[in-house]
Amino acid sequence: MLDSMVRIEKTIRRIERWIPRQGPRIGQMSFHDWLRAVTPTYNWVWPYLVYLQSELERVANGECQRLIVMMPPRHAKTSTITVRFPVWFMERRPDLRVIVAGYNQLLANKFSRMSRKIALMRLGLRENRRAVEEWETSTGSWYRAVGVCGGITGMGANLIIIDDPIKSREEAQSLTYRERVWDWYTDDLYTRLEPGGAVILVMTRWHEDDLAGRILNSEDSERWRVLRLPALAEEDDPLGRQPGEALNPDRYPVEELLRIKSVLGSWAFESLYQQRPMPMEGGLFRREWFSKFVDAVPAQVESRVRYWDKAATSDGDYTAGVRMSRTEDGLFYIEDVVRGRWSPGERDKIIRQCAETDPIDTKIYLEQEPGSSGIDSVQAIIRMLAGFFVYADHVTGSKPVRAEPFAAQAEAGNVILVRAHWNIAFLDELLMFPNGTHDDQVDAASGAFNKLAKSHQIEYIESFWR
C-alpha cells in the first residue's frame, strides 16, 4: 500500500514538472502564440498580421463587437481571421457558437474543413456532430458554415464572420445582387446574432456599394471599427509605413504590385488592392490614355480582327464594327471604326463591304445575342460571308467587365489610334462609358481586343485566390 502511494506521488510530481515546460494550457495562449504553435511553418510576425492579431484579441475580449477588415487578395486574411480565429476563440470560450459565411456554400465548406481539422487536433469533436456544414467540439462549442443568401433560420451565434460575400466583378456590378446580399445580411444573418455577440466582415473591396460600403453608409456605421490595409501605403498608414511601401514586401514587393496594377488598370487596382473602390461615372477610360495617333499601321502586324456589335433594331440603336490589330511589340492599333443606324439589309451589306475591303488576314467576329433570333441572325451573316474567316462570339459577363482588359492596356499606353474622321465620336463614347447613352463602339472595341489578347496569351486577372 505504501509503495503504491509513493509511486503515485512520484508520478504526480513528474507530471507537475512536465506541465510548465509545455507552455500555457489550452485557452490561455495569446492569439499570436497560438498561431505560431498551431502553424509554425507560417510567418505570423509580419507587422500587418501582428496588428490584425491584436485587433482580433480585442474582439475576443469584448472590446470590439463590430469589425470590418479590408485587405488585398492573397495576404492571409482568410487564413488568420476566418479559419484560425474561431478555433482559438473556442479554446477561450467553450460555449462559443460560430457562423461563418462565404460567397457560396462550397467556399464556406472549405473554410469549415480547415477550421474543423484544427479543432479536432486541439479540442476534439463530438462523434455525432462532425458534418462539414455543422460540427461541435467536445467542449461544447458549435460551428455552422453557410453560403451568402443561404438559409440559416433557427440558429444563434456569438460570433459571425463574413468572408468575401462577393466573388466576382460581375456580381459586384449587379445592383440586383448587391440588394440580395444586403437583404440577406439584415434580414437573415444579423438576426442570428446573440446579445453581446460580435460580427467580423473580412473582404476585398469590389464596389463602393458592396456590403462594407452599405454598412459604412448605414445608421449603424458608428459601431463599426474599420481596418483598411492597402497593398501600397498611403498617408497616415495605420502600420506607420511610408507612402508607397508594400504591405507584405516579402511576398508582394512594390515592383510586383506595380506590375499587377499595369495589368489590372488603376480603377480595378484601387478597388481590389487599395481597398478604395471608386464609382465608374463614365470614368473607366480617360482621355489622356489615347494620346498616340499614327497615319498608318506598322507592317509588323501579327494578327487582325474586325468585331461587330449588331443593333437589335434599327430604331435608335447603332451597329458598330471595330477593326483592331496587334503588332509584334505588343501594341494594339485601332485601324477603323464603322458605325451607323441601318436596317438589317443595309447592315448586312455594310458588313459584306467591310469584309471585302479589309486586309485579307482579318478575322471577323459577330457578337451573338442570346435566344433563337440572335443565333439565326448571326448564322445568316456567316452564310453570307462564306469564304472569309468569320465566327460567332457567345459573350458572357456585363459590358463593363468585358471592357476592363481593354481599359487596362489603354492606360498602360499600349493602344494607338489611326487618324481618321471617326476618332472624336469613338473617344467620346469611351469617355462616357458605362453611363453614356450608347456603348456599341466600346462593345466592339472590347470584343476585338479580347480576341487579340486571348490569341496571344495576354494575361488579365479577373479573380483572385486568397
Protein backbone atom coordinates (compact mmCIF):
# COMPACT_ATOMS: atom_id res chain seq x y z
CA MET A 1 0.00 0.00 0.00
CA LEU A 2 2.78 2.39 0.99
CA ASP A 3 4.76 1.54 -2.13
CA SER A 4 1.70 2.23 -4.25
CA MET A 5 1.18 5.67 -2.69
CA VAL A 6 4.84 6.52 -3.20
CA ARG A 7 4.61 5.59 -6.87
CA ILE A 8 1.51 7.74 -7.31
CA GLU A 9 3.18 10.70 -5.58
CA LYS A 10 6.24 10.41 -7.81
CA THR A 11 4.04 10.25 -10.89
CA ILE A 12 2.17 13.40 -9.86
CA ARG A 13 5.44 15.24 -9.29
CA ARG A 14 6.72 14.21 -12.71
CA ILE A 15 3.53 15.49 -14.32
CA GLU A 16 3.74 18.78 -12.41
CA ARG A 17 7.35 19.25 -13.53
CA TRP A 18 6.36 18.44 -17.12
CA ILE A 19 3.35 20.77 -17.48
CA PRO A 20 5.16 24.14 -17.20
CA ARG A 21 7.55 23.16 -19.99
CA GLN A 22 4.60 22.77 -22.34
CA GLY A 23 3.70 26.48 -22.12
CA PRO A 24 0.23 27.84 -21.38
CA ARG A 25 -2.70 25.45 -21.20
CA ILE A 26 -5.47 25.47 -23.81
CA GLY A 27 -7.38 28.73 -23.61
CA GLN A 28 -4.52 30.67 -22.04
CA MET A 29 -2.35 31.43 -25.07
CA SER A 30 -2.39 34.76 -26.86
CA PHE A 31 -3.66 34.56 -30.42
CA HIS A 32 -0.16 35.29 -31.72
CA ASP A 33 1.46 32.49 -29.70
CA TRP A 34 -1.38 30.15 -30.60
CA LEU A 35 -0.89 30.79 -34.34
CA ARG A 36 2.82 30.05 -34.06
CA ALA A 37 2.08 26.85 -32.14
CA VAL A 38 -0.65 25.60 -34.48
CA THR A 39 1.01 26.58 -37.77
CA PRO A 40 4.71 27.05 -37.01
CA THR A 41 5.75 26.96 -40.67
CA TYR A 42 3.98 30.24 -41.48
CA ASN A 43 5.45 33.67 -40.82
CA TRP A 44 2.98 35.22 -38.40
CA VAL A 45 5.25 38.12 -37.46
CA TRP A 46 4.70 40.37 -40.45
CA PRO A 47 3.71 43.73 -38.91
CA TYR A 48 0.28 43.83 -40.53
CA LEU A 49 -0.55 40.33 -39.25
CA VAL A 50 0.60 41.18 -35.72
CA TYR A 51 -1.60 44.28 -35.88
CA LEU A 52 -4.51 42.18 -37.12
CA GLN A 53 -3.99 39.60 -34.36
CA SER A 54 -4.17 42.30 -31.69
CA GLU A 55 -7.44 43.61 -33.13
CA LEU A 56 -8.94 40.12 -33.14
CA GLU A 57 -7.97 39.71 -29.49
CA ARG A 58 -9.98 42.86 -28.78
CA VAL A 59 -12.98 41.13 -30.35
CA ALA A 60 -12.46 38.06 -28.15
CA ASN A 61 -12.14 40.27 -25.07
CA GLY A 62 -15.42 42.03 -25.84
CA GLU A 63 -13.72 45.37 -26.53
CA CYS A 64 -14.88 45.41 -30.17
CA GLN A 65 -18.16 43.91 -31.34
CA ARG A 66 -18.20 45.10 -34.97
CA LEU A 67 -15.08 44.83 -37.13
CA ILE A 68 -14.51 45.34 -40.87
CA VAL A 69 -11.17 44.19 -42.28
CA MET A 70 -10.33 45.36 -45.81
CA MET A 71 -7.23 43.75 -47.29
CA PRO A 72 -5.86 42.86 -50.74
CA PRO A 73 -6.04 39.34 -52.17
CA ARG A 74 -3.53 36.70 -51.07
CA HIS A 75 -2.44 38.40 -47.85
CA ALA A 76 -3.58 35.68 -45.37
CA LYS A 77 -6.74 37.42 -44.23
CA THR A 78 -8.82 34.25 -44.59
CA SER A 79 -6.17 32.02 -43.01
CA THR A 80 -5.89 34.32 -40.00
CA ILE A 81 -9.44 35.53 -39.43
CA THR A 82 -11.85 33.04 -40.94
CA VAL A 83 -10.03 29.75 -40.45
CA ARG A 84 -7.97 30.07 -37.25
CA PHE A 85 -9.53 32.81 -35.13
CA PRO A 86 -12.79 30.89 -34.43
CA VAL A 87 -10.89 27.84 -33.15
CA TRP A 88 -8.66 29.92 -30.89
CA PHE A 89 -11.76 31.71 -29.59
CA MET A 90 -13.40 28.31 -28.94
CA GLU A 91 -10.47 27.37 -26.73
CA ARG A 92 -11.03 30.51 -24.66
CA ARG A 93 -14.79 30.20 -24.61
CA PRO A 94 -16.00 26.57 -24.61
CA ASP A 95 -19.64 27.51 -25.28
CA LEU A 96 -18.88 29.66 -28.35
CA ARG A 97 -21.35 29.43 -31.23
CA VAL A 98 -19.96 30.50 -34.60
CA ILE A 99 -21.49 31.16 -38.01
CA VAL A 100 -19.04 31.56 -40.91
CA ALA A 101 -20.34 32.72 -44.29
CA GLY A 102 -18.62 32.62 -47.68
CA TYR A 103 -19.92 33.83 -51.03
CA ASN A 104 -21.39 30.36 -51.61
CA GLN A 105 -21.83 27.13 -49.66
CA LEU A 106 -18.88 25.48 -51.39
CA LEU A 107 -16.48 28.17 -50.17
CA ALA A 108 -18.00 28.18 -46.68
CA ASN A 109 -17.48 24.42 -46.51
CA LYS A 110 -13.84 24.89 -47.50
CA PHE A 111 -13.36 27.28 -44.58
CA SER A 112 -15.14 24.81 -42.29
CA ARG A 113 -12.93 21.87 -43.24
CA MET A 114 -9.77 23.80 -42.43
CA SER A 115 -11.13 25.03 -39.09
CA ARG A 116 -12.53 21.60 -38.23
CA LYS A 117 -9.15 19.95 -38.79
CA ILE A 118 -7.51 22.31 -36.28
CA ALA A 119 -10.39 21.94 -33.81
CA LEU A 120 -10.13 18.14 -33.99
CA MET A 121 -6.44 18.34 -33.13
CA ARG A 122 -6.84 20.92 -30.36
CA LEU A 123 -10.24 20.25 -28.81
CA GLY A 124 -11.70 17.07 -30.24
CA LEU A 125 -15.11 16.73 -31.89
CA ARG A 126 -18.34 15.10 -30.78
CA GLU A 127 -18.84 11.81 -32.60
CA ASN A 128 -22.34 12.63 -33.83
CA ARG A 129 -21.64 16.27 -34.81
CA ARG A 130 -18.82 16.26 -37.37
CA ALA A 131 -20.52 17.24 -40.65
CA VAL A 132 -18.68 19.88 -42.64
CA GLU A 133 -21.66 22.26 -42.60
CA GLU A 134 -22.18 21.90 -38.86
CA TRP A 135 -19.89 20.49 -36.20
CA GLU A 136 -19.38 20.67 -32.45
CA THR A 137 -16.28 20.38 -30.28
CA SER A 138 -16.01 18.03 -27.34
CA THR A 139 -16.00 21.10 -25.08
CA GLY A 140 -19.38 22.31 -26.38
CA SER A 141 -18.50 24.96 -28.98
CA TRP A 142 -20.54 24.90 -32.17
CA TYR A 143 -19.73 25.88 -35.80
CA ARG A 144 -22.04 26.45 -38.78
CA ALA A 145 -20.93 27.11 -42.38
CA VAL A 146 -23.35 28.95 -44.68
CA GLY A 147 -23.28 30.44 -48.14
CA VAL A 148 -24.27 34.05 -48.72
CA CYS A 149 -28.03 34.23 -49.28
CA GLY A 150 -28.40 30.70 -47.85
CA GLY A 151 -30.89 29.74 -45.16
CA ILE A 152 -29.82 29.98 -41.50
CA THR A 153 -33.09 30.09 -39.56
CA GLY A 154 -33.21 28.56 -36.11
CA MET A 155 -29.58 29.24 -35.28
CA GLY A 156 -27.97 31.74 -32.97
CA ALA A 157 -24.33 32.76 -32.75
CA ASN A 158 -21.94 34.68 -30.51
CA LEU A 159 -19.54 35.21 -33.42
CA ILE A 160 -20.42 35.79 -37.07
CA ILE A 161 -17.70 36.00 -39.72
CA ILE A 162 -18.50 37.00 -43.30
CA ASP A 163 -15.62 36.36 -45.70
CA ASP A 164 -15.78 37.96 -49.16
CA PRO A 165 -19.55 37.99 -49.81
CA ILE A 166 -18.90 38.94 -53.46
CA LYS A 167 -16.91 36.58 -55.66
CA SER A 168 -16.51 38.47 -58.94
CA ARG A 169 -16.69 41.77 -60.77
CA GLU A 170 -19.87 40.55 -62.45
CA GLU A 171 -21.65 40.18 -59.11
CA ALA A 172 -20.22 43.46 -57.81
CA GLN A 173 -21.60 45.38 -60.78
CA SER A 174 -25.08 43.91 -60.33
CA LEU A 175 -27.35 46.14 -58.25
CA THR A 176 -29.80 43.25 -58.00
CA TYR A 177 -27.17 41.01 -56.45
CA ARG A 178 -25.94 43.71 -54.07
CA GLU A 179 -29.53 44.19 -52.88
CA ARG A 180 -29.87 40.43 -52.32
CA VAL A 181 -26.70 40.35 -50.22
CA TRP A 182 -27.83 43.34 -48.15
CA ASP A 183 -31.30 41.90 -47.55
CA TRP A 184 -29.80 38.55 -46.55
CA TYR A 185 -27.39 40.25 -44.17
CA THR A 186 -30.01 42.45 -42.48
CA ASP A 187 -33.00 40.09 -42.51
CA ASP A 188 -31.40 36.66 -42.08
CA LEU A 189 -27.80 36.72 -40.85
CA TYR A 190 -27.77 39.69 -38.48
CA THR A 191 -30.89 38.46 -36.69
CA ARG A 192 -28.96 35.31 -35.70
CA LEU A 193 -26.55 37.31 -33.52
CA GLU A 194 -26.88 36.71 -29.79
CA PRO A 195 -26.84 39.70 -27.39
CA GLY A 196 -23.25 40.80 -26.83
CA GLY A 197 -22.07 38.87 -29.88
CA ALA A 198 -19.54 40.06 -32.46
CA VAL A 199 -19.60 40.40 -36.25
CA ILE A 200 -16.48 40.43 -38.41
CA LEU A 201 -16.66 41.31 -42.10
CA VAL A 202 -13.44 40.48 -43.93
CA MET A 203 -13.27 41.26 -47.61
CA THR A 204 -11.51 42.60 -50.63
CA ARG A 205 -13.44 45.61 -51.89
CA TRP A 206 -15.09 45.31 -55.29
CA HIS A 207 -17.56 48.19 -55.39
CA GLU A 208 -18.38 51.33 -53.43
CA ASP A 209 -21.86 49.86 -52.76
CA ASP A 210 -20.71 46.39 -51.67
CA LEU A 211 -21.60 45.04 -48.22
CA ALA A 212 -18.86 47.04 -46.49
CA GLY A 213 -19.97 50.18 -48.31
CA ARG A 214 -23.60 49.63 -47.31
CA ILE A 215 -22.69 49.10 -43.67
CA LEU A 216 -20.50 52.20 -43.55
CA ASN A 217 -23.33 54.27 -45.04
CA SER A 218 -25.95 52.90 -42.65
CA GLU A 219 -27.19 54.34 -39.37
CA ASP A 220 -25.25 51.59 -37.58
CA SER A 221 -21.89 52.69 -39.04
CA GLU A 222 -20.60 54.31 -35.84
CA ARG A 223 -20.48 50.93 -34.10
CA TRP A 224 -18.02 49.51 -36.62
CA ARG A 225 -14.24 49.59 -36.34
CA VAL A 226 -12.61 49.60 -39.78
CA LEU A 227 -9.16 48.18 -40.54
CA ARG A 228 -8.24 49.25 -44.06
CA LEU A 229 -4.84 47.87 -45.05
CA PRO A 230 -3.96 48.86 -48.64
CA ALA A 231 -1.31 46.96 -50.58
CA LEU A 232 0.65 50.19 -51.07
CA ALA A 233 0.77 52.54 -48.08
CA GLU A 234 -0.93 55.93 -48.21
CA GLU A 235 -0.72 58.93 -45.90
CA ASP A 236 -1.41 58.23 -42.20
CA ASP A 237 -0.90 54.49 -42.61
CA PRO A 238 -2.13 52.57 -39.52
CA LEU A 239 1.07 50.50 -39.54
CA GLY A 240 3.35 53.53 -39.77
CA ARG A 241 4.52 52.71 -43.28
CA GLN A 242 5.83 55.42 -45.56
CA PRO A 243 3.62 56.19 -48.59
CA GLY A 244 4.26 53.65 -51.32
CA GLU A 245 5.61 50.90 -49.05
CA ALA A 246 4.23 47.41 -49.63
CA LEU A 247 2.01 45.69 -47.07
CA ASN A 248 3.91 42.41 -47.37
CA PRO A 249 7.20 43.20 -49.15
CA ASP A 250 8.48 39.64 -48.82
CA ARG A 251 5.64 38.14 -50.85
CA TYR A 252 4.44 41.17 -52.81
CA PRO A 253 7.22 43.74 -53.22
CA VAL A 254 6.43 47.13 -54.71
CA GLU A 255 7.65 46.03 -58.15
CA GLU A 256 5.22 43.12 -58.22
CA LEU A 257 2.31 45.29 -57.08
CA LEU A 258 3.06 47.82 -59.81
CA ARG A 259 3.14 45.01 -62.35
CA ILE A 260 -0.28 43.86 -61.16
CA LYS A 261 -1.52 47.45 -61.41
CA SER A 262 -0.33 47.67 -65.01
CA VAL A 263 -2.33 44.54 -65.84
CA LEU A 264 -5.50 45.46 -63.95
CA GLY A 265 -5.50 49.20 -64.55
CA SER A 266 -5.87 51.88 -61.89
CA TRP A 267 -9.63 51.56 -61.48
CA ALA A 268 -9.56 47.85 -60.58
CA PHE A 269 -6.30 48.13 -58.59
CA GLU A 270 -7.64 50.95 -56.41
CA SER A 271 -10.61 48.77 -55.54
CA LEU A 272 -9.05 45.33 -55.09
CA TYR A 273 -5.61 46.21 -53.77
CA GLN A 274 -6.00 49.64 -52.19
CA GLN A 275 -9.50 48.98 -50.80
CA ARG A 276 -10.70 52.26 -52.26
CA PRO A 277 -13.45 51.44 -54.76
CA MET A 278 -14.50 54.31 -56.97
CA PRO A 279 -17.74 54.77 -58.90
CA MET A 280 -17.29 54.42 -62.63
CA GLU A 281 -19.34 57.52 -63.53
CA GLY A 282 -18.03 57.45 -67.06
CA GLY A 283 -14.51 57.05 -65.72
CA LEU A 284 -13.43 53.60 -66.93
CA PHE A 285 -11.50 55.28 -69.76
CA ARG A 286 -9.57 58.56 -69.66
CA ARG A 287 -8.73 60.90 -72.49
CA GLU A 288 -5.01 61.05 -71.67
CA TRP A 289 -4.70 57.32 -72.30
CA PHE A 290 -5.33 57.90 -76.00
CA SER A 291 -2.60 60.39 -76.87
CA LYS A 292 -0.90 58.33 -79.57
CA PHE A 293 -2.07 58.61 -83.17
CA VAL A 294 -0.50 57.32 -86.38
CA ASP A 295 -1.26 57.74 -90.05
CA ALA A 296 -0.73 54.07 -90.85
CA VAL A 297 -0.26 50.78 -89.03
CA PRO A 298 3.28 49.33 -89.00
CA ALA A 299 3.96 46.37 -91.23
CA GLN A 300 4.77 44.03 -88.34
CA VAL A 301 1.14 43.03 -87.66
CA GLU A 302 0.80 39.61 -86.04
CA SER A 303 -2.99 39.37 -86.06
CA ARG A 304 -6.01 41.44 -87.02
CA VAL A 305 -9.74 41.22 -86.26
CA ARG A 306 -12.95 43.04 -87.14
CA TYR A 307 -15.52 42.76 -84.38
CA TRP A 308 -19.18 43.61 -84.93
CA ASP A 309 -21.67 44.69 -82.26
CA LYS A 310 -25.02 44.44 -84.04
CA ALA A 311 -28.02 46.59 -83.18
CA ALA A 312 -31.09 44.67 -82.12
CA THR A 313 -33.32 47.09 -84.08
CA SER A 314 -32.89 49.99 -86.48
CA ASP A 315 -34.71 52.39 -84.13
CA GLY A 316 -32.12 54.30 -82.13
CA ASP A 317 -29.57 51.51 -81.78
CA TYR A 318 -26.23 51.57 -83.57
CA THR A 319 -24.30 48.78 -85.21
CA ALA A 320 -20.54 49.17 -84.86
CA GLY A 321 -17.62 47.30 -86.36
CA VAL A 322 -14.10 47.91 -85.00
CA ARG A 323 -11.00 46.67 -86.79
CA MET A 324 -8.02 46.23 -84.49
CA SER A 325 -4.58 44.70 -84.90
CA ARG A 326 -1.73 43.63 -82.66
CA THR A 327 1.92 44.09 -83.61
CA GLU A 328 4.99 42.08 -82.66
CA ASP A 329 5.92 44.57 -79.93
CA GLY A 330 2.61 44.05 -78.11
CA LEU A 331 0.87 47.27 -79.19
CA PHE A 332 -2.78 47.40 -80.23
CA TYR A 333 -3.85 49.58 -83.17
CA ILE A 334 -7.44 50.64 -83.72
CA GLU A 335 -7.42 50.81 -87.51
CA ASP A 336 -11.02 51.50 -88.45
CA VAL A 337 -14.45 52.07 -86.92
CA VAL A 338 -17.68 51.74 -88.89
CA ARG A 339 -20.90 52.77 -87.20
CA GLY A 340 -24.46 53.56 -88.18
CA ARG A 341 -28.19 53.07 -87.77
CA TRP A 342 -29.13 50.66 -90.54
CA SER A 343 -31.93 48.31 -91.42
CA PRO A 344 -30.98 44.61 -91.29
CA GLY A 345 -30.49 44.58 -95.06
CA GLU A 346 -28.34 47.72 -95.04
CA ARG A 347 -26.34 46.43 -92.09
CA ASP A 348 -25.57 43.14 -93.80
CA LYS A 349 -24.48 44.99 -96.93
CA ILE A 350 -22.05 47.16 -94.90
CA ILE A 351 -20.65 44.10 -93.13
CA ARG A 352 -20.08 42.43 -96.51
CA GLN A 353 -18.37 45.52 -97.93
CA CYS A 354 -16.00 45.70 -94.94
CA ALA A 355 -15.14 42.02 -95.30
CA GLU A 356 -14.21 42.62 -98.95
CA THR A 357 -12.10 45.73 -98.30
CA ASP A 358 -10.40 44.75 -95.03
CA PRO A 359 -6.93 43.16 -95.28
CA ILE A 360 -7.16 39.52 -96.30
CA ASP A 361 -5.83 38.26 -92.94
CA THR A 362 -8.69 39.86 -90.96
CA LYS A 363 -10.75 37.51 -88.81
CA ILE A 364 -14.37 38.57 -88.43
CA TYR A 365 -16.31 38.10 -85.19
CA LEU A 366 -20.03 38.67 -84.72
CA GLU A 367 -21.41 39.15 -81.23
CA GLN A 368 -24.22 36.65 -80.84
CA GLU A 369 -27.14 37.71 -78.67
CA PRO A 370 -28.95 35.07 -76.60
CA GLY A 371 -32.09 33.48 -77.96
CA SER A 372 -33.04 31.86 -81.22
CA SER A 373 -33.37 35.15 -83.11
CA GLY A 374 -29.81 36.12 -82.21
CA ILE A 375 -28.49 32.75 -83.36
CA ASP A 376 -30.46 32.90 -86.62
CA SER A 377 -29.23 36.43 -87.37
CA VAL A 378 -25.57 35.56 -86.85
CA GLN A 379 -25.83 32.32 -88.80
CA ALA A 380 -27.38 34.18 -91.74
CA ILE A 381 -24.45 36.64 -91.82
CA ILE A 382 -21.93 33.79 -91.54
CA ARG A 383 -23.52 32.14 -94.59
CA MET A 384 -23.38 35.47 -96.41
CA LEU A 385 -19.65 35.72 -95.65
CA ALA A 386 -18.75 32.27 -96.94
CA GLY A 387 -15.07 32.28 -97.91
CA PHE A 388 -14.00 34.69 -95.15
CA PHE A 389 -12.65 33.91 -91.67
CA VAL A 390 -15.88 34.56 -89.76
CA TYR A 391 -17.00 33.37 -86.33
CA ALA A 392 -19.86 33.82 -83.86
CA ASP A 393 -18.89 35.09 -80.41
CA HIS A 394 -21.01 33.96 -77.45
CA VAL A 395 -20.31 36.72 -74.92
CA THR A 396 -20.68 36.38 -71.16
CA GLY A 397 -20.46 38.91 -68.36
CA SER A 398 -21.50 42.55 -68.29
CA LYS A 399 -20.23 45.16 -70.72
CA PRO A 400 -18.06 46.97 -68.11
CA VAL A 401 -16.44 43.69 -67.08
CA ARG A 402 -15.65 42.83 -70.70
CA ALA A 403 -14.19 46.32 -71.22
CA GLU A 404 -11.77 46.23 -68.27
CA PRO A 405 -8.91 44.38 -70.05
CA PHE A 406 -9.07 46.86 -72.93
CA ALA A 407 -9.08 49.80 -70.49
CA ALA A 408 -6.06 48.40 -68.64
CA GLN A 409 -3.98 48.23 -71.83
CA ALA A 410 -5.13 51.70 -72.86
CA GLU A 411 -4.00 53.08 -69.51
CA ALA A 412 -0.62 51.40 -69.99
CA GLY A 413 -0.20 53.30 -73.27
CA ASN A 414 -0.46 50.21 -75.45
CA VAL A 415 -3.47 51.31 -77.54
CA ILE A 416 -2.89 53.55 -80.57
CA LEU A 417 -5.45 55.07 -82.95
CA VAL A 418 -5.10 55.54 -86.69
CA ARG A 419 -6.05 59.15 -87.53
CA ALA A 420 -9.48 59.23 -89.13
CA HIS A 421 -12.84 61.00 -89.12
CA TRP A 422 -14.27 58.54 -86.57
CA ASN A 423 -11.72 59.35 -83.82
CA ILE A 424 -13.73 62.01 -81.96
CA ALA A 425 -17.02 60.09 -81.81
CA PHE A 426 -15.19 56.92 -80.80
CA LEU A 427 -13.29 58.58 -77.94
CA ASP A 428 -16.35 60.48 -76.75
CA GLU A 429 -18.22 57.22 -76.31
CA LEU A 430 -15.32 55.60 -74.46
CA LEU A 431 -15.03 58.54 -72.06
CA MET A 432 -18.75 58.40 -71.23
CA PHE A 433 -18.82 54.63 -70.75
CA PRO A 434 -20.55 52.96 -68.91
CA ASN A 435 -23.02 55.78 -68.21
CA GLY A 436 -23.31 57.16 -71.70
CA THR A 437 -26.30 56.80 -73.99
CA HIS A 438 -24.56 54.37 -76.36
CA ASP A 439 -21.93 51.67 -75.90
CA ASP A 440 -21.79 49.90 -79.28
CA GLN A 441 -18.30 51.15 -80.16
CA VAL A 442 -16.98 50.25 -76.70
CA ASP A 443 -18.51 46.80 -77.02
CA ALA A 444 -16.99 46.24 -80.44
CA ALA A 445 -13.56 47.54 -79.38
CA SER A 446 -13.59 45.42 -76.21
CA GLY A 447 -14.59 42.37 -78.22
CA ALA A 448 -11.80 42.95 -80.75
CA PHE A 449 -9.24 43.49 -78.01
CA ASN A 450 -10.26 40.38 -76.08
CA LYS A 451 -9.95 38.22 -79.19
CA LEU A 452 -6.47 39.56 -79.93
CA ALA A 453 -5.40 39.27 -76.30
CA LYS A 454 -6.66 35.72 -75.96
CA SER A 455 -4.92 34.60 -79.12
CA HIS A 456 -1.60 35.93 -77.81
CA GLN A 457 -1.96 34.75 -74.22
CA ILE A 458 -2.18 38.28 -72.77
CA GLU A 459 -2.51 37.95 -69.02
CA TYR A 460 -5.55 39.52 -67.41
CA ILE A 461 -6.52 38.87 -63.81
CA GLU A 462 -10.27 38.53 -63.19
CA SER A 463 -10.40 36.51 -59.95
CA PHE A 464 -8.11 36.19 -57.02
CA TRP A 465 -7.18 33.37 -54.71
CA ARG A 466 -6.77 34.04 -51.06
